[in-house]
PDB file of N, CA and C in Angstrom:
ATOM      1  N   MET A   1       0.881  -1.121   0.026  1.00  0.00           N
ATOM      2  CA  MET A   1       0.006  -0.013  -0.044  1.00  0.00           C
ATOM      3  C   MET A   1       1.032   1.186  -0.172  1.00  0.00           C
ATOM      4  N   THR A   2       0.686   2.116  -0.960  1.00  0.00           N
ATOM      5  CA  THR A   2       1.549   3.204  -1.129  1.00  0.00           C
ATOM      6  C   THR A   2       0.717   4.423  -0.530  1.00  0.00           C
ATOM      7  N   THR A   3       1.435   5.292   0.069  1.00  0.00           N
ATOM      8  CA  THR A   3       0.663   6.599   0.513  1.00  0.00           C
ATOM      9  C   THR A   3       1.337   7.803  -0.192  1.00  0.00           C
ATOM     10  N   ARG A   4       0.426   8.687  -0.629  1.00  0.00           N
ATOM     11  CA  ARG A   4       0.948   9.902  -1.165  1.00  0.00           C
ATOM     12  C   ARG A   4       0.052  10.941  -0.604  1.00  0.00           C
ATOM     13  N   ARG A   5       0.686  12.134  -0.724  1.00  0.00           N
ATOM     14  CA  ARG A   5       0.076  13.278  -0.255  1.00  0.00           C
ATOM     15  C   ARG A   5      -0.988  13.734  -1.319  1.00  0.00           C
ATOM     16  N   ARG A   6      -2.117  14.041  -0.783  1.00  0.00           N
ATOM     17  CA  ARG A   6      -3.154  14.631  -1.812  1.00  0.00           C
ATOM     18  C   ARG A   6      -3.052  16.028  -1.725  1.00  0.00           C
ATOM     19  N   SER A   7      -3.512  16.556  -3.105  1.00  0.00           N
ATOM     20  CA  SER A   7      -3.351  18.095  -3.178  1.00  0.00           C
ATOM     21  C   SER A   7      -4.557  18.776  -2.564  1.00  0.00           C
ATOM     22  N   GLN A   8      -4.489  19.988  -2.287  1.00  0.00           N
ATOM     23  CA  GLN A   8      -5.478  20.645  -1.806  1.00  0.00           C
ATOM     24  C   GLN A   8      -6.873  20.499  -2.713  1.00  0.00           C
ATOM     25  N   ALA A   9      -6.755  20.558  -3.872  1.00  0.00           N
ATOM     26  CA  ALA A   9      -8.022  20.248  -4.760  1.00  0.00           C
ATOM     27  C   ALA A   9      -8.601  18.895  -4.500  1.00  0.00           C
ATOM     28  N   GLU A  10      -7.757  17.929  -4.348  1.00  0.00           N
ATOM     29  CA  GLU A  10      -8.231  16.578  -4.108  1.00  0.00           C
ATOM     30  C   GLU A  10      -8.978  16.711  -2.610  1.00  0.00           C
ATOM     31  N   ARG A  11      -8.381  17.254  -1.718  1.00  0.00           N
ATOM     32  CA  ARG A  11      -9.061  17.412  -0.304  1.00  0.00           C
ATOM     33  C   ARG A  11     -10.358  18.244  -0.313  1.00  0.00           C
ATOM     34  N   ASP A  12     -10.411  19.131  -1.118  1.00  0.00           N
ATOM     35  CA  ASP A  12     -11.599  19.937  -1.400  1.00  0.00           C
ATOM     36  C   ASP A  12     -12.718  19.347  -2.191  1.00  0.00           C
ATOM     37  N   GLU A  13     -12.340  18.190  -3.026  1.00  0.00           N
ATOM     38  CA  GLU A  13     -13.356  17.768  -3.979  1.00  0.00           C
ATOM     39  C   GLU A  13     -14.381  16.990  -3.154  1.00  0.00           C
ATOM     40  N   LEU A  14     -14.195  16.328  -2.170  1.00  0.00           N
ATOM     41  CA  LEU A  14     -15.281  15.588  -1.417  1.00  0.00           C
ATOM     42  C   LEU A  14     -16.369  16.370  -0.725  1.00  0.00           C
ATOM     43  N   PRO A  15     -15.979  17.499  -0.047  1.00  0.00           N
ATOM     44  CA  PRO A  15     -17.089  18.376   0.357  1.00  0.00           C
ATOM     45  C   PRO A  15     -17.946  19.026  -0.672  1.00  0.00           C
ATOM     46  N   VAL A  16     -17.308  19.483  -1.810  1.00  0.00           N
ATOM     47  CA  VAL A  16     -18.057  19.888  -2.760  1.00  0.00           C
ATOM     48  C   VAL A  16     -18.932  19.032  -3.517  1.00  0.00           C
ATOM     49  N   GLU A  17     -18.516  17.729  -3.626  1.00  0.00           N
ATOM     50  CA  GLU A  17     -19.524  16.758  -3.982  1.00  0.00           C
ATOM     51  C   GLU A  17     -20.571  16.404  -3.262  1.00  0.00           C
ATOM     52  N   ILE A  18     -20.416  16.358  -1.948  1.00  0.00           N
ATOM     53  CA  ILE A  18     -21.373  16.162  -0.873  1.00  0.00           C
ATOM     54  C   ILE A  18     -22.455  17.303  -0.850  1.00  0.00           C
ATOM     55  N   GLY A  19     -21.968  18.578  -0.942  1.00  0.00           N
ATOM     56  CA  GLY A  19     -22.812  19.808  -0.924  1.00  0.00           C
ATOM     57  C   GLY A  19     -23.544  19.659  -2.265  1.00  0.00           C
ATOM     58  N   TYR A  20     -23.025  19.420  -3.387  1.00  0.00           N
ATOM     59  CA  TYR A  20     -23.881  19.231  -4.783  1.00  0.00           C
ATOM     60  C   TYR A  20     -24.736  18.110  -4.554  1.00  0.00           C
ATOM     61  N   ALA A  21     -24.366  17.097  -3.969  1.00  0.00           N
ATOM     62  CA  ALA A  21     -25.451  15.827  -3.827  1.00  0.00           C
ATOM     63  C   ALA A  21     -26.747  16.381  -2.925  1.00  0.00           C
ATOM     64  N   LEU A  22     -26.342  17.143  -1.925  1.00  0.00           N
ATOM     65  CA  LEU A  22     -27.414  17.288  -0.932  1.00  0.00           C
ATOM     66  C   LEU A  22     -28.324  18.571  -1.717  1.00  0.00           C
ATOM     67  N   LEU A  23     -27.696  19.256  -2.286  1.00  0.00           N
ATOM     68  CA  LEU A  23     -28.520  20.478  -2.907  1.00  0.00           C
ATOM     69  C   LEU A  23     -29.370  19.964  -3.965  1.00  0.00           C
ATOM     70  N   SER A  24     -28.730  19.147  -5.003  1.00  0.00           N
ATOM     71  CA  SER A  24     -29.502  18.618  -5.980  1.00  0.00           C
ATOM     72  C   SER A  24     -30.513  17.703  -5.499  1.00  0.00           C
ATOM     73  N   ALA A  25     -30.525  16.894  -4.413  1.00  0.00           N
ATOM     74  CA  ALA A  25     -31.394  16.083  -3.822  1.00  0.00           C
ATOM     75  C   ALA A  25     -32.509  16.904  -3.227  1.00  0.00           C
ATOM     76  N   GLY A  26     -32.129  17.898  -2.552  1.00  0.00           N
ATOM     77  CA  GLY A  26     -33.229  18.869  -1.999  1.00  0.00           C
ATOM     78  C   GLY A  26     -34.091  19.466  -3.042  1.00  0.00           C
ATOM     79  N   PHE A  27     -33.394  19.929  -4.109  1.00  0.00           N
ATOM     80  CA  PHE A  27     -34.198  20.487  -5.291  1.00  0.00           C
ATOM     81  C   PHE A  27     -35.132  19.491  -5.859  1.00  0.00           C
ATOM     82  N   LEU A  28     -34.641  18.201  -6.274  1.00  0.00           N
ATOM     83  CA  LEU A  28     -35.352  17.009  -6.867  1.00  0.00           C
ATOM     84  C   LEU A  28     -36.431  16.856  -5.848  1.00  0.00           C
ATOM     85  N   GLY A  29     -36.463  16.613  -4.493  1.00  0.00           N
ATOM     86  CA  GLY A  29     -37.389  16.357  -3.515  1.00  0.00           C
ATOM     87  C   GLY A  29     -38.480  17.318  -3.453  1.00  0.00           C
ATOM     88  N   ALA A  30     -38.019  18.647  -3.614  1.00  0.00           N
ATOM     89  CA  ALA A  30     -39.001  19.747  -3.507  1.00  0.00           C
ATOM     90  C   ALA A  30     -39.913  19.729  -4.924  1.00  0.00           C
ATOM     91  N   VAL A  31     -39.291  19.566  -6.046  1.00  0.00           N
ATOM     92  CA  VAL A  31     -40.136  19.542  -7.209  1.00  0.00           C
ATOM     93  C   VAL A  31     -41.003  18.428  -7.215  1.00  0.00           C
ATOM     94  N   VAL A  32     -40.486  17.130  -6.768  1.00  0.00           N
ATOM     95  CA  VAL A  32     -41.384  15.993  -6.855  1.00  0.00           C
ATOM     96  C   VAL A  32     -42.567  16.107  -5.884  1.00  0.00           C
ATOM     97  N   PHE A  33     -42.258  16.685  -4.766  1.00  0.00           N
ATOM     98  CA  PHE A  33     -43.185  16.892  -3.758  1.00  0.00           C
ATOM     99  C   PHE A  33     -44.392  17.908  -4.209  1.00  0.00           C
ATOM    100  N   ALA A  34     -43.827  18.932  -4.860  1.00  0.00           N
ATOM    101  CA  ALA A  34     -44.842  19.901  -5.376  1.00  0.00           C
ATOM    102  C   ALA A  34     -45.587  19.348  -6.550  1.00  0.00           C
ATOM    103  N   ALA A  35     -44.809  18.366  -7.293  1.00  0.00           N
ATOM    104  CA  ALA A  35     -45.621  17.712  -8.311  1.00  0.00           C
ATOM    105  C   ALA A  35     -46.900  16.802  -7.892  1.00  0.00           C
ATOM    106  N   ILE A  36     -46.524  16.148  -6.879  1.00  0.00           N
ATOM    107  CA  ILE A  36     -47.386  15.178  -6.298  1.00  0.00           C
ATOM    108  C   ILE A  36     -48.651  15.859  -5.379  1.00  0.00           C
ATOM    109  N   ALA A  37     -48.120  16.647  -4.517  1.00  0.00           N
ATOM    110  CA  ALA A  37     -48.963  17.125  -3.570  1.00  0.00           C
ATOM    111  C   ALA A  37     -49.557  18.697  -4.017  1.00  0.00           C
ATOM    112  N   GLY A  38     -48.998  19.107  -4.876  1.00  0.00           N
ATOM    113  CA  GLY A  38     -49.477  20.491  -5.414  1.00  0.00           C
ATOM    114  C   GLY A  38     -51.073  20.579  -5.674  1.00  0.00           C
ATOM    115  N   PRO A  39     -51.680  19.508  -6.226  1.00  0.00           N
ATOM    116  CA  PRO A  39     -53.053  19.814  -6.328  1.00  0.00           C
ATOM    117  C   PRO A  39     -53.863  20.002  -5.164  1.00  0.00           C
ATOM    118  N   THR A  40     -53.407  19.627  -3.921  1.00  0.00           N
ATOM    119  CA  THR A  40     -53.930  19.893  -2.673  1.00  0.00           C
ATOM    120  C   THR A  40     -54.059  21.341  -2.393  1.00  0.00           C
ATOM    121  N   ALA A  41     -53.138  22.092  -2.908  1.00  0.00           N
ATOM    122  CA  ALA A  41     -52.987  23.594  -2.735  1.00  0.00           C
ATOM    123  C   ALA A  41     -54.005  24.277  -3.774  1.00  0.00           C
ATOM    124  N   VAL A  42     -54.247  23.737  -4.840  1.00  0.00           N
ATOM    125  CA  VAL A  42     -55.035  24.397  -5.771  1.00  0.00           C
ATOM    126  C   VAL A  42     -56.416  23.951  -5.912  1.00  0.00           C
ATOM    127  N   TRP A  43     -56.835  22.741  -5.606  1.00  0.00           N
ATOM    128  CA  TRP A  43     -58.064  22.345  -5.635  1.00  0.00           C
ATOM    129  C   TRP A  43     -58.745  21.823  -4.300  1.00  0.00           C
ATOM    130  N   HIS A  44     -59.972  21.924  -4.143  1.00  0.00           N
ATOM    131  CA  HIS A  44     -60.518  21.456  -2.966  1.00  0.00           C
ATOM    132  C   HIS A  44     -60.989  19.976  -3.101  1.00  0.00           C
ATOM    133  N   LEU A  45     -60.011  19.107  -2.368  1.00  0.00           N
ATOM    134  CA  LEU A  45     -60.323  17.604  -2.410  1.00  0.00           C
ATOM    135  C   LEU A  45     -60.748  17.143  -1.212  1.00  0.00           C
ATOM    136  N   PRO A  46     -61.257  16.007  -1.176  1.00  0.00           N
ATOM    137  CA  PRO A  46     -61.731  15.398   0.154  1.00  0.00           C
ATOM    138  C   PRO A  46     -60.442  15.235   0.956  1.00  0.00           C
ATOM    139  N   PRO A  47     -60.607  15.268   2.363  1.00  0.00           N
ATOM    140  CA  PRO A  47     -59.437  15.347   3.284  1.00  0.00           C
ATOM    141  C   PRO A  47     -58.651  13.939   3.126  1.00  0.00           C
ATOM    142  N   ALA A  48     -59.312  12.859   2.865  1.00  0.00           N
ATOM    143  CA  ALA A  48     -58.588  11.621   2.838  1.00  0.00           C
ATOM    144  C   ALA A  48     -57.636  11.624   1.524  1.00  0.00           C
ATOM    145  N   VAL A  49     -58.067  12.349   0.585  1.00  0.00           N
ATOM    146  CA  VAL A  49     -57.338  12.406  -0.752  1.00  0.00           C
ATOM    147  C   VAL A  49     -56.136  13.272  -0.435  1.00  0.00           C
ATOM    148  N   GLU A  50     -56.437  14.519   0.174  1.00  0.00           N
ATOM    149  CA  GLU A  50     -55.446  15.508   0.428  1.00  0.00           C
ATOM    150  C   GLU A  50     -54.310  14.931   1.171  1.00  0.00           C
ATOM    151  N   GLU A  51     -54.707  14.298   2.289  1.00  0.00           N
ATOM    152  CA  GLU A  51     -53.676  13.494   3.194  1.00  0.00           C
ATOM    153  C   GLU A  51     -52.942  12.447   2.432  1.00  0.00           C
ATOM    154  N   PHE A  52     -53.642  11.636   1.581  1.00  0.00           N
ATOM    155  CA  PHE A  52     -52.829  10.746   0.828  1.00  0.00           C
ATOM    156  C   PHE A  52     -51.677  11.409  -0.209  1.00  0.00           C
ATOM    157  N   LEU A  53     -52.272  12.399  -0.942  1.00  0.00           N
ATOM    158  CA  LEU A  53     -51.328  13.021  -1.811  1.00  0.00           C
ATOM    159  C   LEU A  53     -50.031  13.615  -1.116  1.00  0.00           C
ATOM    160  N   GLN A  54     -50.397  14.322   0.159  1.00  0.00           N
ATOM    161  CA  GLN A  54     -49.296  14.960   0.891  1.00  0.00           C
ATOM    162  C   GLN A  54     -48.326  13.806   1.441  1.00  0.00           C
ATOM    163  N   VAL A  55     -48.844  12.821   1.972  1.00  0.00           N
ATOM    164  CA  VAL A  55     -47.947  11.887   2.630  1.00  0.00           C
ATOM    165  C   VAL A  55     -47.207  11.068   1.532  1.00  0.00           C
ATOM    166  N   GLY A  56     -47.991  10.845   0.476  1.00  0.00           N
ATOM    167  CA  GLY A  56     -47.331  10.036  -0.724  1.00  0.00           C
ATOM    168  C   GLY A  56     -46.247  10.812  -1.258  1.00  0.00           C
ATOM    169  N   GLY A  57     -46.553  12.271  -1.526  1.00  0.00           N
ATOM    170  CA  GLY A  57     -45.585  13.021  -2.030  1.00  0.00           C
ATOM    171  C   GLY A  57     -44.172  13.138  -1.226  1.00  0.00           C
ATOM    172  N   ALA A  58     -44.576  13.203   0.123  1.00  0.00           N
ATOM    173  CA  ALA A  58     -43.270  13.243   0.968  1.00  0.00           C
ATOM    174  C   ALA A  58     -42.479  12.013   1.032  1.00  0.00           C
ATOM    175  N   TRP A  59     -43.284  10.870   1.006  1.00  0.00           N
ATOM    176  CA  TRP A  59     -42.551   9.575   0.745  1.00  0.00           C
ATOM    177  C   TRP A  59     -41.779   9.563  -0.507  1.00  0.00           C
ATOM    178  N   VAL A  60     -42.464   9.863  -1.653  1.00  0.00           N
ATOM    179  CA  VAL A  60     -41.621   9.600  -2.913  1.00  0.00           C
ATOM    180  C   VAL A  60     -40.449  10.755  -3.012  1.00  0.00           C
ATOM    181  N   ALA A  61     -40.695  11.754  -2.443  1.00  0.00           N
ATOM    182  CA  ALA A  61     -39.790  12.893  -2.635  1.00  0.00           C
ATOM    183  C   ALA A  61     -38.558  12.513  -1.758  1.00  0.00           C
ATOM    184  N   GLY A  62     -38.842  11.835  -0.524  1.00  0.00           N
ATOM    185  CA  GLY A  62     -37.724  11.537   0.392  1.00  0.00           C
ATOM    186  C   GLY A  62     -36.716  10.315  -0.270  1.00  0.00           C
ATOM    187  N   VAL A  63     -37.605   9.314  -0.631  1.00  0.00           N
ATOM    188  CA  VAL A  63     -36.845   8.323  -1.307  1.00  0.00           C
ATOM    189  C   VAL A  63     -36.023   8.696  -2.572  1.00  0.00           C
ATOM    190  N   LEU A  64     -36.537   9.515  -3.408  1.00  0.00           N
ATOM    191  CA  LEU A  64     -35.805  10.031  -4.482  1.00  0.00           C
ATOM    192  C   LEU A  64     -34.644  10.932  -4.201  1.00  0.00           C
ATOM    193  N   ALA A  65     -34.668  11.739  -3.218  1.00  0.00           N
ATOM    194  CA  ALA A  65     -33.625  12.300  -2.636  1.00  0.00           C
ATOM    195  C   ALA A  65     -32.521  11.585  -2.134  1.00  0.00           C
ATOM    196  N   VAL A  66     -32.836  10.604  -1.464  1.00  0.00           N
ATOM    197  CA  VAL A  66     -31.892   9.515  -0.883  1.00  0.00           C
ATOM    198  C   VAL A  66     -31.143   8.905  -2.039  1.00  0.00           C
ATOM    199  N   VAL A  67     -31.935   8.464  -3.110  1.00  0.00           N
ATOM    200  CA  VAL A  67     -31.388   7.791  -4.341  1.00  0.00           C
ATOM    201  C   VAL A  67     -30.462   8.637  -4.964  1.00  0.00           C
ATOM    202  N   ARG A  68     -30.909  10.110  -5.126  1.00  0.00           N
ATOM    203  CA  ARG A  68     -29.993  11.032  -5.861  1.00  0.00           C
ATOM    204  C   ARG A  68     -28.718  11.088  -5.164  1.00  0.00           C
ATOM    205  N   VAL A  69     -28.725  11.362  -3.806  1.00  0.00           N
ATOM    206  CA  VAL A  69     -27.275  11.436  -3.145  1.00  0.00           C
ATOM    207  C   VAL A  69     -26.575  10.279  -3.174  1.00  0.00           C
ATOM    208  N   VAL A  70     -27.104   9.164  -3.070  1.00  0.00           N
ATOM    209  CA  VAL A  70     -26.200   7.914  -3.254  1.00  0.00           C
ATOM    210  C   VAL A  70     -25.774   7.764  -4.671  1.00  0.00           C
ATOM    211  N   HIS A  71     -26.474   8.127  -5.624  1.00  0.00           N
ATOM    212  CA  HIS A  71     -25.957   8.112  -7.081  1.00  0.00           C
ATOM    213  C   HIS A  71     -24.799   9.084  -7.211  1.00  0.00           C
ATOM    214  N   VAL A  72     -24.981  10.348  -6.851  1.00  0.00           N
ATOM    215  CA  VAL A  72     -24.016  11.338  -7.079  1.00  0.00           C
ATOM    216  C   VAL A  72     -22.675  10.988  -6.294  1.00  0.00           C
ATOM    217  N   LEU A  73     -22.813  10.443  -5.057  1.00  0.00           N
ATOM    218  CA  LEU A  73     -21.628  10.039  -4.268  1.00  0.00           C
ATOM    219  C   LEU A  73     -20.958   8.759  -4.893  1.00  0.00           C
ATOM    220  N   TRP A  74     -21.857   7.788  -5.393  1.00  0.00           N
ATOM    221  CA  TRP A  74     -21.264   6.652  -5.964  1.00  0.00           C
ATOM    222  C   TRP A  74     -20.446   6.967  -7.145  1.00  0.00           C
ATOM    223  N   ARG A  75     -21.104   7.792  -7.964  1.00  0.00           N
ATOM    224  CA  ARG A  75     -20.518   8.051  -9.258  1.00  0.00           C
ATOM    225  C   ARG A  75     -19.219   8.824  -8.946  1.00  0.00           C
ATOM    226  N   HIS A  76     -19.149   9.749  -8.097  1.00  0.00           N
ATOM    227  CA  HIS A  76     -17.919  10.353  -7.647  1.00  0.00           C
ATOM    228  C   HIS A  76     -16.803   9.329  -7.184  1.00  0.00           C
ATOM    229  N   GLY A  77     -17.265   8.413  -6.420  1.00  0.00           N
ATOM    230  CA  GLY A  77     -16.319   7.495  -5.790  1.00  0.00           C
ATOM    231  C   GLY A  77     -15.868   6.484  -6.848  1.00  0.00           C
ATOM    232  N   ARG A  78     -16.461   6.418  -7.928  1.00  0.00           N
ATOM    233  CA  ARG A  78     -15.897   5.493  -9.090  1.00  0.00           C
ATOM    234  C   ARG A  78     -14.850   6.313  -9.918  1.00  0.00           C
ATOM    235  N   HIS A  79     -15.265   7.491 -10.060  1.00  0.00           N
ATOM    236  CA  HIS A  79     -14.169   8.425 -10.829  1.00  0.00           C
ATOM    237  C   HIS A  79     -13.065   8.806 -10.045  1.00  0.00           C
ATOM    238  N   GLY A  80     -13.120   8.639  -8.699  1.00  0.00           N
ATOM    239  CA  GLY A  80     -11.969   9.181  -7.978  1.00  0.00           C
ATOM    240  C   GLY A  80     -10.864   8.222  -7.725  1.00  0.00           C
TER     241      GLY A  80
END
């Protein structure tokens, strides 16, 4: 096992990738949540339907956000 000193750019690379992953995941989650639960803000729907859309939107947005973070960091790890 050889050890070498990493440059400053290499040391700064991971926090930038993490920040990008979190920011893009947050944006994706917000867009997906708005697309799924948005009709509850526009139309008057039965309470059960409103709750279903809001909870479903939160679940789908959360899962896609986690998938986005994993995808970005996994891709970064393969190229690094």
